[in-house]
């Protein structure tokens, strides 16, 4: 199985990080592909977390959730749990780059 993540230069200022490899079959031949990717300016935990959070929440969404955290506690808890999970995923992605 391929390592968990790999990085390639995207353009002059961005990198693309591929992660979550899976085995696939094309015309009877087995191969590995990455299920997911994120484009970042630098391969840091904060950049990866921000990019993954942006897939689900815009900046405006996050500000609204933060502003109403005391009145919409269930929504805040869902958001916060998601962000904590993303942080764990970012650590795993970075660890995969070091393999």
Protein backbone atom coordinates (compact mmCIF):
# COMPACT_ATOMS: atom_id res chain seq x y z
CA UNK A 1 0.00 0.00 0.00
CA UNK A 2 1.23 3.50 -0.81
CA UNK A 3 2.21 5.79 2.00
CA UNK A 4 -0.70 7.67 3.54
CA UNK A 5 0.08 10.99 1.87
CA UNK A 6 2.35 12.56 -0.71
CA UNK A 7 3.06 16.11 -1.81
CA UNK A 8 3.69 17.62 -5.24
CA UNK A 9 4.28 21.15 -6.45
CA UNK A 10 1.01 22.55 -7.90
CA UNK A 11 2.20 25.87 -9.28
CA UNK A 12 4.77 28.51 -8.31
CA UNK A 13 3.14 29.20 -4.94
CA UNK A 14 1.04 26.15 -4.05
CA UNK A 15 1.48 22.50 -3.26
CA UNK A 16 -1.06 19.70 -3.55
CA UNK A 17 -1.13 17.07 -0.84
CA UNK A 18 -2.71 13.74 -1.76
CA UNK A 19 -3.94 11.44 1.00
CA UNK A 20 -6.11 8.39 1.79
CA UNK A 21 -4.73 5.82 -0.69
CA UNK A 22 -6.96 3.00 -1.92
CA UNK A 23 -6.40 0.03 -4.18
CA UNK A 24 -8.32 0.18 -7.44
CA UNK A 25 -8.52 -2.07 -10.46
CA UNK A 26 -8.31 -0.75 -14.02
CA UNK A 27 -8.68 -3.23 -16.87
CA UNK A 28 -7.64 -6.11 -14.63
CA UNK A 29 -4.57 -4.31 -13.27
CA UNK A 30 -4.37 -3.31 -9.62
CA UNK A 31 -3.18 0.18 -8.86
CA UNK A 32 -3.27 2.67 -6.01
CA UNK A 33 -4.93 6.04 -6.12
CA UNK A 34 -5.37 8.75 -3.54
CA UNK A 35 -8.99 9.46 -2.63
CA UNK A 36 -8.47 13.01 -1.49
CA UNK A 37 -6.33 16.09 -1.95
CA UNK A 38 -5.87 19.54 -0.54
CA UNK A 39 -4.08 22.52 -2.09
CA UNK A 40 -2.02 24.67 0.29
CA UNK A 41 0.63 27.37 0.09
CA UNK A 42 2.77 25.50 2.61
CA UNK A 43 2.69 22.02 4.10
CA UNK A 44 1.93 23.02 7.68
CA UNK A 45 -0.71 21.78 10.09
CA UNK A 46 -2.48 25.15 10.18
CA UNK A 47 -2.61 25.39 6.36
CA UNK A 48 -3.98 21.85 6.04
CA UNK A 49 -6.54 22.38 8.82
CA UNK A 50 -7.73 25.63 7.23
CA UNK A 51 -8.07 24.05 3.79
CA UNK A 52 -10.01 21.06 5.14
CA UNK A 53 -12.30 23.24 7.28
CA UNK A 54 -13.01 25.49 4.25
CA UNK A 55 -14.45 22.48 2.45
CA UNK A 56 -17.34 22.46 4.91
CA UNK A 57 -17.45 25.92 6.49
CA UNK A 58 -16.85 29.35 5.00
CA UNK A 59 -15.27 32.06 7.13
CA UNK A 60 -18.73 33.62 7.50
CA UNK A 61 -20.16 30.28 8.66
CA UNK A 62 -17.43 29.94 11.26
CA UNK A 63 -17.93 33.47 12.56
CA UNK A 64 -21.68 32.90 12.86
CA UNK A 65 -21.19 29.63 14.72
CA UNK A 66 -18.67 31.24 17.06
CA UNK A 67 -20.95 34.24 17.66
CA UNK A 68 -23.90 32.00 18.56
CA UNK A 69 -21.96 29.33 20.45
CA UNK A 70 -23.95 29.97 23.65
CA UNK A 71 -27.38 29.91 22.00
CA UNK A 72 -26.86 27.19 19.40
CA UNK A 73 -24.74 24.81 21.43
CA UNK A 74 -25.53 21.72 19.35
CA UNK A 75 -24.41 23.45 16.16
CA UNK A 76 -21.25 24.68 17.88
CA UNK A 77 -20.51 21.20 19.25
CA UNK A 78 -20.88 19.68 15.77
CA UNK A 79 -18.57 22.31 14.31
CA UNK A 80 -16.02 21.99 17.10
CA UNK A 81 -15.96 18.18 16.87
CA UNK A 82 -15.40 18.47 13.12
CA UNK A 83 -12.48 20.87 13.57
CA UNK A 84 -10.90 18.65 16.24
CA UNK A 85 -11.19 15.67 13.87
CA UNK A 86 -9.61 17.73 11.08
CA UNK A 87 -6.65 18.52 13.37
CA UNK A 88 -6.08 14.80 13.91
CA UNK A 89 -6.34 14.19 10.15
CA UNK A 90 -3.81 16.99 9.50
CA UNK A 91 -1.35 15.35 11.90
CA UNK A 92 -1.82 12.03 10.10
CA UNK A 93 -1.32 13.68 6.69
CA UNK A 94 1.90 15.35 7.86
CA UNK A 95 3.13 12.10 9.42
CA UNK A 96 2.43 10.37 6.09
CA UNK A 97 4.60 12.90 4.28
CA UNK A 98 7.48 12.02 6.59
CA UNK A 99 7.26 8.25 5.90
